[in-house]
């Protein structure tokens, strides 16, 4: 298939030089680079999964209730001017 793509002059020059050095066509160098880029960015990769880092203990400290963010924030910044 033929198509027209605008490429940075310096990038095209480097690709042409690499093709000449490897005794390949510019087409084969560009196809190889595009193929490698697509393989490295394929959606078939596993999605990021955050590891579980639970801690031991008996839950929240006395005086802190679940969802009581204002009290929690006060204790975190106590004595720190926050």
PDB file of N, CA and C in Angstrom:
ATOM      1  N   UNK A   1       0.851  -1.169   0.000  1.00  0.00           N
ATOM      2  CA  UNK A   1       0.000   0.000   0.000  1.00  0.00           C
ATOM      3  C   UNK A   1       0.899   1.234   0.000  1.00  0.00           C
ATOM      4  N   UNK A   2       0.515   2.215  -0.751  1.00  0.00           N
ATOM      5  CA  UNK A   2       1.271   3.461  -0.782  1.00  0.00           C
ATOM      6  C   UNK A   2       0.531   4.511   0.019  1.00  0.00           C
ATOM      7  N   UNK A   3       1.309   5.331   0.723  1.00  0.00           N
ATOM      8  CA  UNK A   3       0.736   6.432   1.486  1.00  0.00           C
ATOM      9  C   UNK A   3       1.784   7.522   1.595  1.00  0.00           C
ATOM     10  N   UNK A   4       1.361   8.699   1.979  1.00  0.00           N
ATOM     11  CA  UNK A   4       2.279   9.817   2.162  1.00  0.00           C
ATOM     12  C   UNK A   4       2.307  10.188   3.628  1.00  0.00           C
ATOM     13  N   UNK A   5       3.516  10.273   4.175  1.00  0.00           N
ATOM     14  CA  UNK A   5       3.698  10.625   5.577  1.00  0.00           C
ATOM     15  C   UNK A   5       4.778  11.685   5.653  1.00  0.00           C
ATOM     16  N   UNK A   6       4.528  12.721   6.430  1.00  0.00           N
ATOM     17  CA  UNK A   6       5.558  13.740   6.644  1.00  0.00           C
ATOM     18  C   UNK A   6       6.428  13.310   7.810  1.00  0.00           C
ATOM     19  N   UNK A   7       7.739  13.245   7.572  1.00  0.00           N
ATOM     20  CA  UNK A   7       8.701  12.810   8.583  1.00  0.00           C
ATOM     21  C   UNK A   7       9.737  13.906   8.764  1.00  0.00           C
ATOM     22  N   UNK A   8      10.164  14.084   9.992  1.00  0.00           N
ATOM     23  CA  UNK A   8      11.217  15.039  10.309  1.00  0.00           C
ATOM     24  C   UNK A   8      12.434  14.753   9.428  1.00  0.00           C
ATOM     25  N   UNK A   9      13.012  15.815   8.848  1.00  0.00           N
ATOM     26  CA  UNK A   9      14.135  15.658   7.917  1.00  0.00           C
ATOM     27  C   UNK A   9      15.297  14.883   8.533  1.00  0.00           C
ATOM     28  N   UNK A  10      15.665  15.221   9.759  1.00  0.00           N
ATOM     29  CA  UNK A  10      16.793  14.559  10.412  1.00  0.00           C
ATOM     30  C   UNK A  10      16.490  13.082  10.675  1.00  0.00           C
ATOM     31  N   UNK A  11      15.259  12.797  11.068  1.00  0.00           N
ATOM     32  CA  UNK A  11      14.859  11.415  11.323  1.00  0.00           C
ATOM     33  C   UNK A  11      14.898  10.598  10.032  1.00  0.00           C
ATOM     34  N   UNK A  12      14.431  11.179   8.958  1.00  0.00           N
ATOM     35  CA  UNK A  12      14.459  10.490   7.667  1.00  0.00           C
ATOM     36  C   UNK A  12      15.896  10.247   7.219  1.00  0.00           C
ATOM     37  N   UNK A  13      16.760  11.230   7.423  1.00  0.00           N
ATOM     38  CA  UNK A  13      18.168  11.081   7.059  1.00  0.00           C
ATOM     39  C   UNK A  13      18.809   9.930   7.841  1.00  0.00           C
ATOM     40  N   UNK A  14      18.518   9.861   9.134  1.00  0.00           N
ATOM     41  CA  UNK A  14      19.063   8.776   9.957  1.00  0.00           C
ATOM     42  C   UNK A  14      18.561   7.418   9.474  1.00  0.00           C
ATOM     43  N   UNK A  15      17.291   7.354   9.114  1.00  0.00           N
ATOM     44  CA  UNK A  15      16.723   6.097   8.616  1.00  0.00           C
ATOM     45  C   UNK A  15      17.374   5.697   7.295  1.00  0.00           C
ATOM     46  N   UNK A  16      17.607   6.662   6.420  1.00  0.00           N
ATOM     47  CA  UNK A  16      18.266   6.374   5.140  1.00  0.00           C
ATOM     48  C   UNK A  16      19.697   5.892   5.359  1.00  0.00           C
ATOM     49  N   UNK A  17      20.393   6.528   6.294  1.00  0.00           N
ATOM     50  CA  UNK A  17      21.772   6.124   6.590  1.00  0.00           C
ATOM     51  C   UNK A  17      21.818   4.708   7.160  1.00  0.00           C
ATOM     52  N   UNK A  18      20.883   4.389   8.034  1.00  0.00           N
ATOM     53  CA  UNK A  18      20.822   3.046   8.608  1.00  0.00           C
ATOM     54  C   UNK A  18      20.520   2.015   7.524  1.00  0.00           C
ATOM     55  N   UNK A  19      19.602   2.353   6.638  1.00  0.00           N
ATOM     56  CA  UNK A  19      19.260   1.441   5.542  1.00  0.00           C
ATOM     57  C   UNK A  19      20.487   1.182   4.663  1.00  0.00           C
ATOM     58  N   UNK A  20      21.235   2.226   4.357  1.00  0.00           N
ATOM     59  CA  UNK A  20      22.432   2.067   3.526  1.00  0.00           C
ATOM     60  C   UNK A  20      23.484   1.229   4.250  1.00  0.00           C
ATOM     61  N   UNK A  21      23.662   1.499   5.535  1.00  0.00           N
ATOM     62  CA  UNK A  21      24.649   0.764   6.332  1.00  0.00           C
ATOM     63  C   UNK A  21      24.314  -0.730   6.385  1.00  0.00           C
ATOM     64  N   UNK A  22      23.029  -1.047   6.484  1.00  0.00           N
ATOM     65  CA  UNK A  22      22.586  -2.447   6.574  1.00  0.00           C
ATOM     66  C   UNK A  22      22.302  -3.067   5.205  1.00  0.00           C
ATOM     67  N   UNK A  23      22.476  -2.268   4.173  1.00  0.00           N
ATOM     68  CA  UNK A  23      22.181  -2.690   2.805  1.00  0.00           C
ATOM     69  C   UNK A  23      20.740  -3.189   2.701  1.00  0.00           C
ATOM     70  N   UNK A  24      19.840  -2.364   3.250  1.00  0.00           N
ATOM     71  CA  UNK A  24      18.409  -2.639   3.202  1.00  0.00           C
ATOM     72  C   UNK A  24      17.726  -1.464   2.517  1.00  0.00           C
ATOM     73  N   UNK A  25      16.488  -1.667   2.161  1.00  0.00           N
ATOM     74  CA  UNK A  25      15.718  -0.561   1.604  1.00  0.00           C
ATOM     75  C   UNK A  25      15.196   0.310   2.745  1.00  0.00           C
ATOM     76  N   UNK A  26      14.910   1.554   2.433  1.00  0.00           N
ATOM     77  CA  UNK A  26      14.311   2.452   3.416  1.00  0.00           C
ATOM     78  C   UNK A  26      12.965   1.881   3.862  1.00  0.00           C
ATOM     79  N   UNK A  27      12.237   1.310   2.914  1.00  0.00           N
ATOM     80  CA  UNK A  27      10.939   0.706   3.230  1.00  0.00           C
ATOM     81  C   UNK A  27      11.076  -0.365   4.309  1.00  0.00           C
ATOM     82  N   UNK A  28      12.050  -1.243   4.180  1.00  0.00           N
ATOM     83  CA  UNK A  28      12.197  -2.327   5.159  1.00  0.00           C
ATOM     84  C   UNK A  28      12.599  -1.794   6.529  1.00  0.00           C
ATOM     85  N   UNK A  29      13.417  -0.757   6.568  1.00  0.00           N
ATOM     86  CA  UNK A  29      13.808  -0.155   7.849  1.00  0.00           C
ATOM     87  C   UNK A  29      12.597   0.482   8.516  1.00  0.00           C
ATOM     88  N   UNK A  30      11.806   1.222   7.751  1.00  0.00           N
ATOM     89  CA  UNK A  30      10.619   1.871   8.314  1.00  0.00           C
ATOM     90  C   UNK A  30       9.581   0.843   8.756  1.00  0.00           C
ATOM     91  N   UNK A  31       9.378  -0.204   7.959  1.00  0.00           N
ATOM     92  CA  UNK A  31       8.433  -1.250   8.349  1.00  0.00           C
ATOM     93  C   UNK A  31       8.875  -1.937   9.644  1.00  0.00           C
ATOM     94  N   UNK A  32      10.155  -2.215   9.741  1.00  0.00           N
ATOM     95  CA  UNK A  32      10.686  -2.862  10.941  1.00  0.00           C
ATOM     96  C   UNK A  32      10.499  -1.977  12.171  1.00  0.00           C
ATOM     97  N   UNK A  33      10.789  -0.695  12.022  1.00  0.00           N
ATOM     98  CA  UNK A  33      10.637   0.242  13.144  1.00  0.00           C
ATOM     99  C   UNK A  33       9.175   0.363  13.559  1.00  0.00           C
ATOM    100  N   UNK A  34       8.283   0.455  12.591  1.00  0.00           N
ATOM    101  CA  UNK A  34       6.857   0.568  12.895  1.00  0.00           C
ATOM    102  C   UNK A  34       6.338  -0.718  13.538  1.00  0.00           C
ATOM    103  N   UNK A  35       6.774  -1.855  13.022  1.00  0.00           N
ATOM    104  CA  UNK A  35       6.360  -3.143  13.590  1.00  0.00           C
ATOM    105  C   UNK A  35       6.814  -3.262  15.051  1.00  0.00           C
ATOM    106  N   UNK A  36       8.061  -2.891  15.313  1.00  0.00           N
ATOM    107  CA  UNK A  36       8.588  -2.951  16.676  1.00  0.00           C
ATOM    108  C   UNK A  36       7.812  -2.014  17.597  1.00  0.00           C
ATOM    109  N   UNK A  37       7.504  -0.815  17.129  1.00  0.00           N
ATOM    110  CA  UNK A  37       6.739   0.139  17.930  1.00  0.00           C
ATOM    111  C   UNK A  37       5.360  -0.419  18.265  1.00  0.00           C
ATOM    112  N   UNK A  38       4.695  -0.990  17.283  1.00  0.00           N
ATOM    113  CA  UNK A  38       3.356  -1.538  17.507  1.00  0.00           C
ATOM    114  C   UNK A  38       3.383  -2.732  18.459  1.00  0.00           C
ATOM    115  N   UNK A  39       4.389  -3.580  18.336  1.00  0.00           N
ATOM    116  CA  UNK A  39       4.503  -4.729  19.242  1.00  0.00           C
ATOM    117  C   UNK A  39       4.744  -4.278  20.679  1.00  0.00           C
ATOM    118  N   UNK A  40       5.562  -3.244  20.849  1.00  0.00           N
ATOM    119  CA  UNK A  40       5.871  -2.746  22.191  1.00  0.00           C
ATOM    120  C   UNK A  40       4.691  -2.028  22.829  1.00  0.00           C
ATOM    121  N   UNK A  41       3.733  -1.619  22.041  1.00  0.00           N
ATOM    122  CA  UNK A  41       2.590  -0.877  22.561  1.00  0.00           C
ATOM    123  C   UNK A  41       1.277  -1.623  22.350  1.00  0.00           C
ATOM    124  N   UNK A  42       1.363  -2.919  22.175  1.00  0.00           N
ATOM    125  CA  UNK A  42       0.164  -3.724  21.942  1.00  0.00           C
ATOM    126  C   UNK A  42      -0.722  -3.731  23.181  1.00  0.00           C
ATOM    127  N   UNK A  43      -2.006  -3.769  22.959  1.00  0.00           N
ATOM    128  CA  UNK A  43      -2.966  -3.800  24.065  1.00  0.00           C
ATOM    129  C   UNK A  43      -3.035  -5.174  24.715  1.00  0.00           C
ATOM    130  N   UNK A  44      -2.316  -6.137  24.171  1.00  0.00           N
ATOM    131  CA  UNK A  44      -2.376  -7.484  24.727  1.00  0.00           C
ATOM    132  C   UNK A  44      -1.604  -7.608  26.040  1.00  0.00           C
ATOM    133  N   UNK A  45      -0.907  -6.559  26.419  1.00  0.00           N
ATOM    134  CA  UNK A  45      -0.206  -6.598  27.697  1.00  0.00           C
ATOM    135  C   UNK A  45      -1.217  -6.719  28.829  1.00  0.00           C
ATOM    136  N   UNK A  46      -0.778  -7.328  29.901  1.00  0.00           N
ATOM    137  CA  UNK A  46      -1.645  -7.431  31.064  1.00  0.00           C
ATOM    138  C   UNK A  46      -1.849  -6.047  31.659  1.00  0.00           C
ATOM    139  N   UNK A  47      -3.047  -5.744  32.100  1.00  0.00           N
ATOM    140  CA  UNK A  47      -3.281  -4.434  32.705  1.00  0.00           C
ATOM    141  C   UNK A  47      -2.524  -4.315  34.024  1.00  0.00           C
ATOM    142  N   UNK A  48      -2.199  -3.090  34.386  1.00  0.00           N
ATOM    143  CA  UNK A  48      -1.497  -2.840  35.642  1.00  0.00           C
ATOM    144  C   UNK A  48      -2.368  -3.300  36.794  1.00  0.00           C
ATOM    145  N   UNK A  49      -1.754  -3.973  37.739  1.00  0.00           N
ATOM    146  CA  UNK A  49      -2.490  -4.445  38.907  1.00  0.00           C
ATOM    147  C   UNK A  49      -1.717  -4.028  40.148  1.00  0.00           C
ATOM    148  N   UNK A  50      -2.354  -3.250  40.983  1.00  0.00           N
ATOM    149  CA  UNK A  50      -1.739  -2.777  42.208  1.00  0.00           C
ATOM    150  C   UNK A  50      -1.643  -3.928  43.192  1.00  0.00           C
ATOM    151  N   UNK A  51      -0.456  -4.120  43.736  1.00  0.00           N
ATOM    152  CA  UNK A  51      -0.267  -5.196  44.698  1.00  0.00           C
ATOM    153  C   UNK A  51      -0.911  -4.833  46.024  1.00  0.00           C
ATOM    154  N   UNK A  52      -1.408  -5.846  46.701  1.00  0.00           N
ATOM    155  CA  UNK A  52      -2.048  -5.636  47.989  1.00  0.00           C
ATOM    156  C   UNK A  52      -0.968  -5.501  49.061  1.00  0.00           C
ATOM    157  N   UNK A  53      -1.023  -4.433  49.820  1.00  0.00           N
ATOM    158  CA  UNK A  53      -0.066  -4.185  50.893  1.00  0.00           C
ATOM    159  C   UNK A  53      -0.828  -3.908  52.178  1.00  0.00           C
ATOM    160  N   UNK A  54      -1.498  -4.918  52.667  1.00  0.00           N
ATOM    161  CA  UNK A  54      -2.245  -4.779  53.911  1.00  0.00           C
ATOM    162  C   UNK A  54      -1.274  -4.790  55.079  1.00  0.00           C
ATOM    163  N   UNK A  55      -1.723  -4.308  56.205  1.00  0.00           N
ATOM    164  CA  UNK A  55      -0.886  -4.295  57.400  1.00  0.00           C
ATOM    165  C   UNK A  55      -1.568  -5.093  58.495  1.00  0.00           C
ATOM    166  N   UNK A  56      -0.747  -5.539  59.424  1.00  0.00           N
ATOM    167  CA  UNK A  56      -1.294  -6.294  60.549  1.00  0.00           C
ATOM    168  C   UNK A  56      -1.791  -5.321  61.600  1.00  0.00           C
ATOM    169  N   UNK A  57      -2.683  -5.764  62.390  1.00  0.00           N
ATOM    170  CA  UNK A  57      -3.182  -4.928  63.468  1.00  0.00           C
ATOM    171  C   UNK A  57      -4.660  -5.152  63.677  1.00  0.00           C
ATOM    172  N   UNK A  58      -5.222  -4.288  64.476  1.00  0.00           N
ATOM    173  CA  UNK A  58      -6.634  -4.415  64.819  1.00  0.00           C
ATOM    174  C   UNK A  58      -7.456  -3.274  64.245  1.00  0.00           C
ATOM    175  N   UNK A  59      -7.054  -2.779  63.100  1.00  0.00           N
ATOM    176  CA  UNK A  59      -7.831  -1.721  62.465  1.00  0.00           C
ATOM    177  C   UNK A  59      -7.423  -0.339  62.930  1.00  0.00           C
ATOM    178  N   UNK A  60      -8.401   0.547  62.992  1.00  0.00           N
ATOM    179  CA  UNK A  60      -8.146   1.943  63.336  1.00  0.00           C
ATOM    180  C   UNK A  60      -7.837   2.110  64.819  1.00  0.00           C
ATOM    181  N   UNK A  61      -7.103   3.171  65.107  1.00  0.00           N
ATOM    182  CA  UNK A  61      -6.779   3.481  66.498  1.00  0.00           C
ATOM    183  C   UNK A  61      -8.026   3.937  67.231  1.00  0.00           C
ATOM    184  N   UNK A  62      -8.022   3.807  68.566  1.00  0.00           N
ATOM    185  CA  UNK A  62      -9.161   4.292  69.348  1.00  0.00           C
ATOM    186  C   UNK A  62      -9.404   5.777  69.070  1.00  0.00           C
ATOM    187  N   UNK A  63     -10.644   6.154  68.956  1.00  0.00           N
ATOM    188  CA  UNK A  63     -10.989   7.546  68.686  1.00  0.00           C
ATOM    189  C   UNK A  63     -11.175   7.860  67.216  1.00  0.00           C
ATOM    190  N   UNK A  64     -10.775   6.950  66.350  1.00  0.00           N
ATOM    191  CA  UNK A  64     -10.935   7.139  64.909  1.00  0.00           C
ATOM    192  C   UNK A  64     -11.999   6.164  64.432  1.00  0.00           C
ATOM    193  N   UNK A  65     -12.999   6.697  63.759  1.00  0.00           N
ATOM    194  CA  UNK A  65     -14.029   5.839  63.194  1.00  0.00           C
ATOM    195  C   UNK A  65     -13.924   5.881  61.682  1.00  0.00           C
ATOM    196  N   UNK A  66     -14.331   4.808  61.060  1.00  0.00           N
ATOM    197  CA  UNK A  66     -14.249   4.733  59.609  1.00  0.00           C
ATOM    198  C   UNK A  66     -15.053   5.859  58.980  1.00  0.00           C
ATOM    199  N   UNK A  67     -14.434   6.579  58.062  1.00  0.00           N
ATOM    200  CA  UNK A  67     -15.106   7.676  57.384  1.00  0.00           C
ATOM    201  C   UNK A  67     -15.024   8.991  58.130  1.00  0.00           C
ATOM    202  N   UNK A  68     -14.359   9.008  59.282  1.00  0.00           N
ATOM    203  CA  UNK A  68     -14.219  10.236  60.072  1.00  0.00           C
ATOM    204  C   UNK A  68     -12.948  10.961  59.632  1.00  0.00           C
ATOM    205  N   UNK A  69     -12.980  11.496  58.405  1.00  0.00           N
ATOM    206  CA  UNK A  69     -11.785  12.079  57.805  1.00  0.00           C
ATOM    207  C   UNK A  69     -11.302  13.332  58.513  1.00  0.00           C
ATOM    208  N   UNK A  70     -12.193  14.136  59.039  1.00  0.00           N
ATOM    209  CA  UNK A  70     -11.741  15.372  59.690  1.00  0.00           C
ATOM    210  C   UNK A  70     -10.921  15.055  60.938  1.00  0.00           C
ATOM    211  N   UNK A  71     -11.351  14.081  61.733  1.00  0.00           N
ATOM    212  CA  UNK A  71     -10.590  13.692  62.922  1.00  0.00           C
ATOM    213  C   UNK A  71      -9.262  13.066  62.517  1.00  0.00           C
ATOM    214  N   UNK A  72      -9.283  12.234  61.505  1.00  0.00           N
ATOM    215  CA  UNK A  72      -8.065  11.597  61.024  1.00  0.00           C
ATOM    216  C   UNK A  72      -7.067  12.646  60.538  1.00  0.00           C
ATOM    217  N   UNK A  73      -7.535  13.617  59.774  1.00  0.00           N
ATOM    218  CA  UNK A  73      -6.669  14.679  59.268  1.00  0.00           C
ATOM    219  C   UNK A  73      -6.078  15.491  60.410  1.00  0.00           C
ATOM    220  N   UNK A  74      -6.879  15.799  61.409  1.00  0.00           N
ATOM    221  CA  UNK A  74      -6.387  16.550  62.566  1.00  0.00           C
ATOM    222  C   UNK A  74      -5.264  15.793  63.267  1.00  0.00           C
ATOM    223  N   UNK A  75      -5.421  14.489  63.430  1.00  0.00           N
ATOM    224  CA  UNK A  75      -4.391  13.701  64.106  1.00  0.00           C
ATOM    225  C   UNK A  75      -3.122  13.586  63.268  1.00  0.00           C
ATOM    226  N   UNK A  76      -3.272  13.468  61.973  1.00  0.00           N
ATOM    227  CA  UNK A  76      -2.100  13.368  61.098  1.00  0.00           C
ATOM    228  C   UNK A  76      -1.262  14.637  61.183  1.00  0.00           C
ATOM    229  N   UNK A  77      -1.911  15.785  61.170  1.00  0.00           N
ATOM    230  CA  UNK A  77      -1.194  17.055  61.138  1.00  0.00           C
ATOM    231  C   UNK A  77      -1.012  17.683  62.516  1.00  0.00           C
ATOM    232  N   UNK A  78      -1.371  16.972  63.558  1.00  0.00           N
ATOM    233  CA  UNK A  78      -1.262  17.505  64.916  1.00  0.00           C
ATOM    234  C   UNK A  78       0.189  17.897  65.208  1.00  0.00           C
ATOM    235  N   UNK A  79       0.377  19.146  65.621  1.00  0.00           N
ATOM    236  CA  UNK A  79       1.708  19.643  65.946  1.00  0.00           C
ATOM    237  C   UNK A  79       2.545  20.024  64.748  1.00  0.00           C
ATOM    238  N   UNK A  80       1.966  20.009  63.558  1.00  0.00           N
ATOM    239  CA  UNK A  80       2.720  20.328  62.340  1.00  0.00           C
ATOM    240  C   UNK A  80       2.225  21.609  61.680  1.00  0.00           C
ATOM    241  N   UNK A  81       1.343  22.312  62.312  1.00  0.00           N
ATOM    242  CA  UNK A  81       0.866  23.572  61.749  1.00  0.00           C
ATOM    243  C   UNK A  81      -0.087  23.405  60.592  1.00  0.00           C
ATOM    244  N   UNK A  82      -0.646  22.240  60.398  1.00  0.00           N
ATOM    245  CA  UNK A  82      -1.504  21.994  59.248  1.00  0.00           C
ATOM    246  C   UNK A  82      -2.919  22.050  59.624  1.00  0.00           C
TER     247      UNK A  82
END
